Structures are given as C-alpha cells and as structure tokens.
Amino acid sequence: MPRRQDPDVSVGTLIGDERELLRLIAQSPEPVAASTFFDAINPPDFERSAAEEDPRRVAWQEKQFGLYQAVLDLHDGGLIRIVHPANGARPDLMEATEAGYDALA
C-alpha cells in the first residue's frame, strides 16, 4: 500500500522544530532514534525536583509531545523513514529520505 503523503508536512512547509529535527536526523552518520534530539531542541528549564504541575514542566512536556508529533508528520510526509523498527530494547531508528535531504537544501 502506498504511503500517505501528509499535506501538513512537505518540502515547502517545514518550520521550526520539524526542520531542526529533520536536520539533526539527516546529519547523523547512522540511523538514529529521533527522540535522541528532543532535549537538544527543547532542553528542560526546570529543576528535576519541580512538581508535576509546575508550569515550566507542563510546557516542556507539551513541547515534547509536539516533537513526537513532528516525528510522525515527518515520517508520514516521506521525509524520514524507519530503518530498524523498535524491538523492545530500543526505539525505531530513523534516517532522512532523499525527499528529506531535498527539503533541507
């Protein structure tokens, strides 16, 4: 079955975190878990001891969820692909596709 192209993520519409995530995945010398880069893109700005309801922690968590959505959108848009599916010991390992490299050019 052909992969659905996500109309929200295409070569011409990458913005912000999606673009940065794709750039980092594309720069990796080998397939990588996309979540490896989440803290680089969205570093926590609260103490580890901060309460669960601390507004900074809540905002950070929401952005982390947004980064997971960005991974799905990049994949659905054909800009990254799963090279090694998750196996219970590690997450999916991804790489940029030709379309992904083109989107960054």
PDB file of N, CA and C in Angstrom:
ATOM      1  N   MET A   1       0.846  -1.172   0.000  1.00  0.00           N
ATOM      2  CA  MET A   1       0.000   0.000   0.000  1.00  0.00           C
ATOM      3  C   MET A   1       0.896   1.241   0.000  1.00  0.00           C
ATOM      4  N   PRO A   2       0.635   2.210  -0.858  1.00  0.00           N
ATOM      5  CA  PRO A   2       1.457   3.414  -0.891  1.00  0.00           C
ATOM      6  C   PRO A   2       1.300   4.228   0.383  1.00  0.00           C
ATOM      7  N   ARG A   3       2.376   4.873   0.772  1.00  0.00           N
ATOM      8  CA  ARG A   3       2.348   5.698   1.976  1.00  0.00           C
ATOM      9  C   ARG A   3       1.594   6.988   1.683  1.00  0.00           C
ATOM     10  N   ARG A   4       0.773   7.377   2.622  1.00  0.00           N
ATOM     11  CA  ARG A   4       0.020   8.627   2.509  1.00  0.00           C
ATOM     12  C   ARG A   4       0.983   9.799   2.697  1.00  0.00           C
ATOM     13  N   GLN A   5       0.873  10.772   1.841  1.00  0.00           N
ATOM     14  CA  GLN A   5       1.656  11.993   1.989  1.00  0.00           C
ATOM     15  C   GLN A   5       0.869  12.954   2.872  1.00  0.00           C
ATOM     16  N   ASP A   6       1.438  13.346   3.984  1.00  0.00           N
ATOM     17  CA  ASP A   6       0.781  14.268   4.901  1.00  0.00           C
ATOM     18  C   ASP A   6       0.800  15.665   4.291  1.00  0.00           C
ATOM     19  N   PRO A   7      -0.355  16.264   4.065  1.00  0.00           N
ATOM     20  CA  PRO A   7      -0.381  17.585   3.451  1.00  0.00           C
ATOM     21  C   PRO A   7       0.193  18.673   4.351  1.00  0.00           C
ATOM     22  N   ASP A   8       0.317  18.411   5.654  1.00  0.00           N
ATOM     23  CA  ASP A   8       0.821  19.428   6.570  1.00  0.00           C
ATOM     24  C   ASP A   8       2.346  19.494   6.608  1.00  0.00           C
ATOM     25  N   VAL A   9       3.019  18.431   6.166  1.00  0.00           N
ATOM     26  CA  VAL A   9       4.469  18.416   6.180  1.00  0.00           C
ATOM     27  C   VAL A   9       4.943  18.065   4.785  1.00  0.00           C
ATOM     28  N   SER A  10       5.498  19.020   4.110  1.00  0.00           N
ATOM     29  CA  SER A  10       6.035  18.774   2.781  1.00  0.00           C
ATOM     30  C   SER A  10       7.298  19.587   2.621  1.00  0.00           C
ATOM     31  N   VAL A  11       7.919  19.437   1.505  1.00  0.00           N
ATOM     32  CA  VAL A  11       9.183  20.108   1.261  1.00  0.00           C
ATOM     33  C   VAL A  11       9.079  21.606   1.517  1.00  0.00           C
ATOM     34  N   GLY A  12       7.980  22.223   1.152  1.00  0.00           N
ATOM     35  CA  GLY A  12       7.866  23.667   1.275  1.00  0.00           C
ATOM     36  C   GLY A  12       7.351  24.175   2.600  1.00  0.00           C
ATOM     37  N   THR A  13       6.926  23.303   3.511  1.00  0.00           N
ATOM     38  CA  THR A  13       6.269  23.793   4.719  1.00  0.00           C
ATOM     39  C   THR A  13       6.981  23.454   6.021  1.00  0.00           C
ATOM     40  N   LEU A  14       8.198  22.957   5.974  1.00  0.00           N
ATOM     41  CA  LEU A  14       8.906  22.654   7.213  1.00  0.00           C
ATOM     42  C   LEU A  14       9.188  23.941   7.972  1.00  0.00           C
ATOM     43  N   ILE A  15       8.855  23.936   9.249  1.00  0.00           N
ATOM     44  CA  ILE A  15       9.112  25.107  10.077  1.00  0.00           C
ATOM     45  C   ILE A  15       9.666  24.673  11.420  1.00  0.00           C
ATOM     46  N   GLY A  16      10.390  25.550  12.052  1.00  0.00           N
ATOM     47  CA  GLY A  16      10.835  25.393  13.422  1.00  0.00           C
ATOM     48  C   GLY A  16      11.376  24.038  13.797  1.00  0.00           C
ATOM     49  N   ASP A  17      10.699  23.415  14.756  1.00  0.00           N
ATOM     50  CA  ASP A  17      11.171  22.160  15.322  1.00  0.00           C
ATOM     51  C   ASP A  17      11.195  21.030  14.303  1.00  0.00           C
ATOM     52  N   GLU A  18      10.249  20.998  13.384  1.00  0.00           N
ATOM     53  CA  GLU A  18      10.257  19.944  12.358  1.00  0.00           C
ATOM     54  C   GLU A  18      11.529  20.042  11.530  1.00  0.00           C
ATOM     55  N   ARG A  19      11.868  21.253  11.127  1.00  0.00           N
ATOM     56  CA  ARG A  19      13.061  21.461  10.310  1.00  0.00           C
ATOM     57  C   ARG A  19      14.316  21.087  11.098  1.00  0.00           C
ATOM     58  N   GLU A  20      14.385  21.512  12.345  1.00  0.00           N
ATOM     59  CA  GLU A  20      15.549  21.212  13.175  1.00  0.00           C
ATOM     60  C   GLU A  20      15.670  19.716  13.417  1.00  0.00           C
ATOM     61  N   LEU A  21      14.581  19.053  13.687  1.00  0.00           N
ATOM     62  CA  LEU A  21      14.600  17.611  13.900  1.00  0.00           C
ATOM     63  C   LEU A  21      15.063  16.893  12.637  1.00  0.00           C
ATOM     64  N   LEU A  22      14.536  17.283  11.497  1.00  0.00           N
ATOM     65  CA  LEU A  22      14.955  16.681  10.230  1.00  0.00           C
ATOM     66  C   LEU A  22      16.440  16.947   9.989  1.00  0.00           C
ATOM     67  N   ARG A  23      16.900  18.148  10.270  1.00  0.00           N
ATOM     68  CA  ARG A  23      18.313  18.489  10.071  1.00  0.00           C
ATOM     69  C   ARG A  23      19.215  17.597  10.922  1.00  0.00           C
ATOM     70  N   LEU A  24      18.857  17.405  12.178  1.00  0.00           N
ATOM     71  CA  LEU A  24      19.664  16.580  13.078  1.00  0.00           C
ATOM     72  C   LEU A  24      19.653  15.115  12.652  1.00  0.00           C
ATOM     73  N   ILE A  25      18.509  14.613  12.246  1.00  0.00           N
ATOM     74  CA  ILE A  25      18.428  13.227  11.766  1.00  0.00           C
ATOM     75  C   ILE A  25      19.279  13.075  10.510  1.00  0.00           C
ATOM     76  N   ALA A  26      19.187  14.033   9.596  1.00  0.00           N
ATOM     77  CA  ALA A  26      19.941  13.969   8.342  1.00  0.00           C
ATOM     78  C   ALA A  26      21.446  14.042   8.591  1.00  0.00           C
ATOM     79  N   GLN A  27      21.869  14.757   9.619  1.00  0.00           N
ATOM     80  CA  GLN A  27      23.297  14.890   9.915  1.00  0.00           C
ATOM     81  C   GLN A  27      23.876  13.669  10.614  1.00  0.00           C
ATOM     82  N   SER A  28      23.033  12.830  11.154  1.00  0.00           N
ATOM     83  CA  SER A  28      23.525  11.665  11.875  1.00  0.00           C
ATOM     84  C   SER A  28      24.230  10.715  10.904  1.00  0.00           C
ATOM     85  N   PRO A  29      25.409  10.220  11.273  1.00  0.00           N
ATOM     86  CA  PRO A  29      26.141   9.327  10.372  1.00  0.00           C
ATOM     87  C   PRO A  29      25.530   7.930  10.255  1.00  0.00           C
ATOM     88  N   GLU A  30      24.608   7.613  11.135  1.00  0.00           N
ATOM     89  CA  GLU A  30      23.933   6.311  11.092  1.00  0.00           C
ATOM     90  C   GLU A  30      22.495   6.493  11.550  1.00  0.00           C
ATOM     91  N   PRO A  31      21.633   5.508  11.286  1.00  0.00           N
ATOM     92  CA  PRO A  31      20.237   5.625  11.732  1.00  0.00           C
ATOM     93  C   PRO A  31      20.184   5.918  13.236  1.00  0.00           C
ATOM     94  N   VAL A  32      19.229   6.743  13.615  1.00  0.00           N
ATOM     95  CA  VAL A  32      19.187   7.252  14.983  1.00  0.00           C
ATOM     96  C   VAL A  32      17.743   7.316  15.469  1.00  0.00           C
ATOM     97  N   ALA A  33      17.565   7.184  16.782  1.00  0.00           N
ATOM     98  CA  ALA A  33      16.249   7.399  17.385  1.00  0.00           C
ATOM     99  C   ALA A  33      15.988   8.898  17.374  1.00  0.00           C
ATOM    100  N   ALA A  34      14.895   9.313  16.784  1.00  0.00           N
ATOM    101  CA  ALA A  34      14.586  10.741  16.679  1.00  0.00           C
ATOM    102  C   ALA A  34      14.541  11.399  18.057  1.00  0.00           C
ATOM    103  N   SER A  35      14.074  10.670  19.056  1.00  0.00           N
ATOM    104  CA  SER A  35      13.957  11.235  20.404  1.00  0.00           C
ATOM    105  C   SER A  35      15.317  11.583  21.010  1.00  0.00           C
ATOM    106  N   THR A  36      16.396  11.077  20.430  1.00  0.00           N
ATOM    107  CA  THR A  36      17.745  11.421  20.878  1.00  0.00           C
ATOM    108  C   THR A  36      17.947  12.932  20.889  1.00  0.00           C
ATOM    109  N   PHE A  37      17.283  13.619  19.981  1.00  0.00           N
ATOM    110  CA  PHE A  37      17.498  15.051  19.800  1.00  0.00           C
ATOM    111  C   PHE A  37      16.493  15.926  20.541  1.00  0.00           C
ATOM    112  N   PHE A  38      15.516  15.332  21.196  1.00  0.00           N
ATOM    113  CA  PHE A  38      14.458  16.127  21.815  1.00  0.00           C
ATOM    114  C   PHE A  38      14.993  17.113  22.847  1.00  0.00           C
ATOM    115  N   ASP A  39      15.910  16.667  23.715  1.00  0.00           N
ATOM    116  CA  ASP A  39      16.420  17.575  24.747  1.00  0.00           C
ATOM    117  C   ASP A  39      17.318  18.660  24.161  1.00  0.00           C
ATOM    118  N   ALA A  40      17.946  18.397  23.026  1.00  0.00           N
ATOM    119  CA  ALA A  40      18.744  19.438  22.365  1.00  0.00           C
ATOM    120  C   ALA A  40      17.823  20.516  21.794  1.00  0.00           C
ATOM    121  N   ILE A  41      16.685  20.100  21.269  1.00  0.00           N
ATOM    122  CA  ILE A  41      15.721  21.034  20.685  1.00  0.00           C
ATOM    123  C   ILE A  41      14.918  21.736  21.778  1.00  0.00           C
ATOM    124  N   ASN A  42      14.573  20.990  22.810  1.00  0.00           N
ATOM    125  CA  ASN A  42      13.713  21.502  23.878  1.00  0.00           C
ATOM    126  C   ASN A  42      14.305  21.138  25.238  1.00  0.00           C
ATOM    127  N   PRO A  43      15.398  21.809  25.655  1.00  0.00           N
ATOM    128  CA  PRO A  43      16.006  21.449  26.940  1.00  0.00           C
ATOM    129  C   PRO A  43      15.096  21.810  28.108  1.00  0.00           C
ATOM    130  N   PRO A  44      15.083  20.964  29.138  1.00  0.00           N
ATOM    131  CA  PRO A  44      14.270  21.287  30.309  1.00  0.00           C
ATOM    132  C   PRO A  44      14.805  22.559  30.972  1.00  0.00           C
ATOM    133  N   ASP A  45      13.895  23.418  31.402  1.00  0.00           N
ATOM    134  CA  ASP A  45      14.292  24.662  32.074  1.00  0.00           C
ATOM    135  C   ASP A  45      13.718  24.709  33.488  1.00  0.00           C
ATOM    136  N   PHE A  46      13.712  23.552  34.127  1.00  0.00           N
ATOM    137  CA  PHE A  46      13.188  23.442  35.488  1.00  0.00           C
ATOM    138  C   PHE A  46      14.057  22.443  36.240  1.00  0.00           C
ATOM    139  N   GLU A  47      14.015  22.519  37.549  1.00  0.00           N
ATOM    140  CA  GLU A  47      14.752  21.575  38.387  1.00  0.00           C
ATOM    141  C   GLU A  47      14.081  20.207  38.318  1.00  0.00           C
ATOM    142  N   ARG A  48      14.886  19.153  38.403  1.00  0.00           N
ATOM    143  CA  ARG A  48      14.317  17.797  38.379  1.00  0.00           C
ATOM    144  C   ARG A  48      13.297  17.602  39.501  1.00  0.00           C
ATOM    145  N   SER A  49      13.477  18.336  40.578  1.00  0.00           N
ATOM    146  CA  SER A  49      12.578  18.205  41.728  1.00  0.00           C
ATOM    147  C   SER A  49      11.289  19.018  41.562  1.00  0.00           C
ATOM    148  N   ALA A  50      11.144  19.729  40.457  1.00  0.00           N
ATOM    149  CA  ALA A  50       9.942  20.554  40.239  1.00  0.00           C
ATOM    150  C   ALA A  50       8.692  19.676  40.260  1.00  0.00           C
ATOM    151  N   ALA A  51       7.637  20.217  40.824  1.00  0.00           N
ATOM    152  CA  ALA A  51       6.363  19.493  40.903  1.00  0.00           C
ATOM    153  C   ALA A  51       5.825  19.198  39.506  1.00  0.00           C
ATOM    154  N   GLU A  52       5.056  18.136  39.400  1.00  0.00           N
ATOM    155  CA  GLU A  52       4.459  17.749  38.111  1.00  0.00           C
ATOM    156  C   GLU A  52       3.637  18.872  37.504  1.00  0.00           C
ATOM    157  N   GLU A  53       3.005  19.681  38.356  1.00  0.00           N
ATOM    158  CA  GLU A  53       2.139  20.751  37.850  1.00  0.00           C
ATOM    159  C   GLU A  53       2.882  22.078  37.654  1.00  0.00           C
ATOM    160  N   ASP A  54       4.195  22.089  37.876  1.00  0.00           N
ATOM    161  CA  ASP A  54       4.987  23.303  37.636  1.00  0.00           C
ATOM    162  C   ASP A  54       4.768  23.741  36.185  1.00  0.00           C
ATOM    163  N   PRO A  55       4.399  24.996  35.963  1.00  0.00           N
ATOM    164  CA  PRO A  55       4.097  25.454  34.599  1.00  0.00           C
ATOM    165  C   PRO A  55       5.236  25.231  33.604  1.00  0.00           C
ATOM    166  N   ARG A  56       6.478  25.343  34.075  1.00  0.00           N
ATOM    167  CA  ARG A  56       7.611  25.105  33.167  1.00  0.00           C
ATOM    168  C   ARG A  56       7.692  23.639  32.775  1.00  0.00           C
ATOM    169  N   ARG A  57       7.439  22.742  33.723  1.00  0.00           N
ATOM    170  CA  ARG A  57       7.462  21.310  33.418  1.00  0.00           C
ATOM    171  C   ARG A  57       6.316  20.964  32.472  1.00  0.00           C
ATOM    172  N   VAL A  58       5.140  21.507  32.733  1.00  0.00           N
ATOM    173  CA  VAL A  58       3.970  21.240  31.883  1.00  0.00           C
ATOM    174  C   VAL A  58       4.233  21.728  30.460  1.00  0.00           C
ATOM    175  N   ALA A  59       4.788  22.937  30.326  1.00  0.00           N
ATOM    176  CA  ALA A  59       5.092  23.483  28.995  1.00  0.00           C
ATOM    177  C   ALA A  59       6.128  22.618  28.283  1.00  0.00           C
ATOM    178  N   TRP A  60       7.139  22.153  29.024  1.00  0.00           N
ATOM    179  CA  TRP A  60       8.172  21.284  28.448  1.00  0.00           C
ATOM    180  C   TRP A  60       7.556  19.973  27.969  1.00  0.00           C
ATOM    181  N   GLN A  61       6.696  19.378  28.795  1.00  0.00           N
ATOM    182  CA  GLN A  61       6.051  18.120  28.410  1.00  0.00           C
ATOM    183  C   GLN A  61       5.205  18.295  27.155  1.00  0.00           C
ATOM    184  N   GLU A  62       4.478  19.381  27.075  1.00  0.00           N
ATOM    185  CA  GLU A  62       3.644  19.631  25.896  1.00  0.00           C
ATOM    186  C   GLU A  62       4.502  19.765  24.644  1.00  0.00           C
ATOM    187  N   LYS A  63       5.637  20.426  24.786  1.00  0.00           N
ATOM    188  CA  LYS A  63       6.523  20.560  23.624  1.00  0.00           C
ATOM    189  C   LYS A  63       7.136  19.208  23.259  1.00  0.00           C
ATOM    190  N   GLN A  64       7.443  18.373  24.255  1.00  0.00           N
ATOM    191  CA  GLN A  64       7.962  17.030  23.967  1.00  0.00           C
ATOM    192  C   GLN A  64       6.926  16.236  23.162  1.00  0.00           C
ATOM    193  N   PHE A  65       5.663  16.328  23.559  1.00  0.00           N
ATOM    194  CA  PHE A  65       4.608  15.653  22.793  1.00  0.00           C
ATOM    195  C   PHE A  65       4.558  16.199  21.373  1.00  0.00           C
ATOM    196  N   GLY A  66       4.754  17.502  21.231  1.00  0.00           N
ATOM    197  CA  GLY A  66       4.788  18.114  19.905  1.00  0.00           C
ATOM    198  C   GLY A  66       5.928  17.581  19.058  1.00  0.00           C
ATOM    199  N   LEU A  67       7.069  17.288  19.693  1.00  0.00           N
ATOM    200  CA  LEU A  67       8.195  16.722  18.954  1.00  0.00           C
ATOM    201  C   LEU A  67       7.882  15.306  18.485  1.00  0.00           C
ATOM    202  N   TYR A  68       7.187  14.527  19.313  1.00  0.00           N
ATOM    203  CA  TYR A  68       6.764  13.194  18.858  1.00  0.00           C
ATOM    204  C   TYR A  68       5.821  13.321  17.664  1.00  0.00           C
ATOM    205  N   GLN A  69       4.935  14.309  17.702  1.00  0.00           N
ATOM    206  CA  GLN A  69       4.037  14.534  16.565  1.00  0.00           C
ATOM    207  C   GLN A  69       4.839  14.944  15.335  1.00  0.00           C
ATOM    208  N   ALA A  70       5.877  15.734  15.525  1.00  0.00           N
ATOM    209  CA  ALA A  70       6.727  16.139  14.403  1.00  0.00           C
ATOM    210  C   ALA A  70       7.381  14.923  13.754  1.00  0.00           C
ATOM    211  N   VAL A  71       7.808  13.950  14.569  1.00  0.00           N
ATOM    212  CA  VAL A  71       8.391  12.720  14.018  1.00  0.00           C
ATOM    213  C   VAL A  71       7.358  12.007  13.150  1.00  0.00           C
ATOM    214  N   LEU A  72       6.144  11.881  13.660  1.00  0.00           N
ATOM    215  CA  LEU A  72       5.085  11.227  12.884  1.00  0.00           C
ATOM    216  C   LEU A  72       4.808  11.988  11.595  1.00  0.00           C
ATOM    217  N   ASP A  73       4.754  13.311  11.677  1.00  0.00           N
ATOM    218  CA  ASP A  73       4.484  14.122  10.490  1.00  0.00           C
ATOM    219  C   ASP A  73       5.607  14.003   9.466  1.00  0.00           C
ATOM    220  N   LEU A  74       6.857  14.022   9.930  1.00  0.00           N
ATOM    221  CA  LEU A  74       7.986  13.868   9.009  1.00  0.00           C
ATOM    222  C   LEU A  74       7.941  12.503   8.332  1.00  0.00           C
ATOM    223  N   HIS A  75       7.602  11.479   9.106  1.00  0.00           N
ATOM    224  CA  HIS A  75       7.501  10.130   8.544  1.00  0.00           C
ATOM    225  C   HIS A  75       6.352  10.049   7.549  1.00  0.00           C
ATOM    226  N   ASP A  76       5.188  10.531   7.951  1.00  0.00           N
ATOM    227  CA  ASP A  76       4.022  10.490   7.061  1.00  0.00           C
ATOM    228  C   ASP A  76       4.244  11.325   5.806  1.00  0.00           C
ATOM    229  N   GLY A  77       5.053  12.366   5.920  1.00  0.00           N
ATOM    230  CA  GLY A  77       5.362  13.213   4.776  1.00  0.00           C
ATOM    231  C   GLY A  77       6.455  12.647   3.887  1.00  0.00           C
ATOM    232  N   GLY A  78       7.003  11.485   4.267  1.00  0.00           N
ATOM    233  CA  GLY A  78       8.030  10.854   3.448  1.00  0.00           C
ATOM    234  C   GLY A  78       9.402  11.495   3.571  1.00  0.00           C
ATOM    235  N   LEU A  79       9.637  12.264   4.641  1.00  0.00           N
ATOM    236  CA  LEU A  79      10.910  12.959   4.797  1.00  0.00           C
ATOM    237  C   LEU A  79      11.908  12.188   5.652  1.00  0.00           C
ATOM    238  N   ILE A  80      11.418  11.261   6.476  1.00  0.00           N
ATOM    239  CA  ILE A  80      12.276  10.330   7.211  1.00  0.00           C
ATOM    240  C   ILE A  80      11.667   8.946   7.067  1.00  0.00           C
ATOM    241  N   ARG A  81      12.509   7.932   7.285  1.00  0.00           N
ATOM    242  CA  ARG A  81      11.998   6.567   7.220  1.00  0.00           C
ATOM    243  C   ARG A  81      12.592   5.748   8.352  1.00  0.00           C
ATOM    244  N   ILE A  82      11.872   4.705   8.721  1.00  0.00           N
ATOM    245  CA  ILE A  82      12.339   3.782   9.748  1.00  0.00           C
ATOM    246  C   ILE A  82      13.263   2.781   9.071  1.00  0.00           C
ATOM    247  N   VAL A  83      14.498   2.712   9.548  1.00  0.00           N
ATOM    248  CA  VAL A  83      15.481   1.786   9.002  1.00  0.00           C
ATOM    249  C   VAL A  83      15.473   0.493   9.812  1.00  0.00           C
ATOM    250  N   HIS A  84      15.392   0.635  11.130  1.00  0.00           N
ATOM    251  CA  HIS A  84      15.345  -0.510  12.037  1.00  0.00           C
ATOM    252  C   HIS A  84      14.170  -0.296  12.987  1.00  0.00           C
ATOM    253  N   PRO A  85      13.092  -1.071  12.837  1.00  0.00           N
ATOM    254  CA  PRO A  85      11.929  -0.913  13.722  1.00  0.00           C
ATOM    255  C   PRO A  85      12.290  -1.179  15.189  1.00  0.00           C
ATOM    256  N   ALA A  86      11.547  -0.568  16.074  1.00  0.00           N
ATOM    257  CA  ALA A  86      11.732  -0.782  17.511  1.00  0.00           C
ATOM    258  C   ALA A  86      11.635  -2.272  17.806  1.00  0.00           C
ATOM    259  N   ASN A  87      12.420  -2.707  18.791  1.00  0.00           N
ATOM    260  CA  ASN A  87      12.434  -4.135  19.108  1.00  0.00           C
ATOM    261  C   ASN A  87      12.214  -4.426  20.585  1.00  0.00           C
ATOM    262  N   GLY A  88      11.785  -3.459  21.342  1.00  0.00           N
ATOM    263  CA  GLY A  88      11.570  -3.651  22.771  1.00  0.00           C
ATOM    264  C   GLY A  88      12.771  -3.226  23.592  1.00  0.00           C
ATOM    265  N   ALA A  89      13.960  -3.284  22.996  1.00  0.00           N
ATOM    266  CA  ALA A  89      15.172  -2.854  23.687  1.00  0.00           C
ATOM    267  C   ALA A  89      15.591  -1.457  23.254  1.00  0.00           C
ATOM    268  N   ARG A  90      15.101  -1.019  22.103  1.00  0.00           N
ATOM    269  CA  ARG A  90      15.429   0.307  21.587  1.00  0.00           C
ATOM    270  C   ARG A  90      14.283   0.801  20.717  1.00  0.00           C
ATOM    271  N   PRO A  91      14.202   2.125  20.544  1.00  0.00           N
ATOM    272  CA  PRO A  91      13.134   2.687  19.697  1.00  0.00           C
ATOM    273  C   PRO A  91      13.458   2.511  18.213  1.00  0.00           C
ATOM    274  N   ASP A  92      12.511   2.930  17.365  1.00  0.00           N
ATOM    275  CA  ASP A  92      12.751   2.946  15.926  1.00  0.00           C
ATOM    276  C   ASP A  92      14.004   3.763  15.635  1.00  0.00           C
ATOM    277  N   LEU A  93      14.812   3.281  14.691  1.00  0.00           N
ATOM    278  CA  LEU A  93      15.961   4.049  14.232  1.00  0.00           C
ATOM    279  C   LEU A  93      15.620   4.607  12.862  1.00  0.00           C
ATOM    280  N   MET A  94      15.827   5.907  12.703  1.00  0.00           N
ATOM    281  CA  MET A  94      15.385   6.640  11.514  1.00  0.00           C
ATOM    282  C   MET A  94      16.565   7.183  10.729  1.00  0.00           C
ATOM    283  N   GLU A  95      16.266   7.505   9.467  1.00  0.00           N
ATOM    284  CA  GLU A  95      17.190   8.271   8.645  1.00  0.00           C
ATOM    285  C   GLU A  95      16.373   9.157   7.724  1.00  0.00           C
ATOM    286  N   ALA A  96      17.000  10.205   7.238  1.00  0.00           N
ATOM    287  CA  ALA A  96      16.329  11.094   6.286  1.00  0.00           C
ATOM    288  C   ALA A  96      16.228  10.391   4.936  1.00  0.00           C
ATOM    289  N   THR A  97      15.160  10.669   4.230  1.00  0.00           N
ATOM    290  CA  THR A  97      14.989  10.156   2.873  1.00  0.00           C
ATOM    291  C   THR A  97      15.558  11.178   1.891  1.00  0.00           C
ATOM    292  N   GLU A  98      15.580  10.813   0.631  1.00  0.00           N
ATOM    293  CA  GLU A  98      16.017  11.755  -0.396  1.00  0.00           C
ATOM    294  C   GLU A  98      15.157  13.021  -0.353  1.00  0.00           C
ATOM    295  N   ALA A  99      13.846  12.830  -0.180  1.00  0.00           N
ATOM    296  CA  ALA A  99      12.943  13.984  -0.083  1.00  0.00           C
ATOM    297  C   ALA A  99      13.277  14.829   1.141  1.00  0.00           C
ATOM    298  N   GLY A 100      13.699  14.179   2.228  1.00  0.00           N
ATOM    299  CA  GLY A 100      14.096  14.910   3.425  1.00  0.00           C
ATOM    300  C   GLY A 100      15.325  15.768   3.186  1.00  0.00           C
ATOM    301  N   TYR A 101      16.321  15.186   2.521  1.00  0.00           N
ATOM    302  CA  TYR A 101      17.520  15.972   2.185  1.00  0.00           C
ATOM    303  C   TYR A 101      17.160  17.122   1.254  1.00  0.00           C
ATOM    304  N   ASP A 102      16.283  16.857   0.294  1.00  0.00           N
ATOM    305  CA  ASP A 102      15.846  17.914  -0.628  1.00  0.00           C
ATOM    306  C   ASP A 102      15.153  19.047   0.128  1.00  0.00           C
ATOM    307  N   ALA A 103      14.375  18.690   1.151  1.00  0.00           N
ATOM    308  CA  ALA A 103      13.651  19.699   1.925  1.00  0.00           C
ATOM    309  C   ALA A 103      14.601  20.619   2.680  1.00  0.00           C
ATOM    310  N   LEU A 104      15.766  20.105   3.004  1.00  0.00           N
ATOM    311  CA  LEU A 104      16.743  20.898   3.752  1.00  0.00           C
ATOM    312  C   LEU A 104      17.640  21.744   2.853  1.00  0.00           C
ATOM    313  N   ALA A 105      17.647  21.419   1.577  1.00  0.00           N
ATOM    314  CA  ALA A 105      18.553  22.126   0.642  1.00  0.00           C
ATOM    315  C   ALA A 105      18.115  23.557   0.410  1.00  0.00           C
TER     316      ALA A 105
END
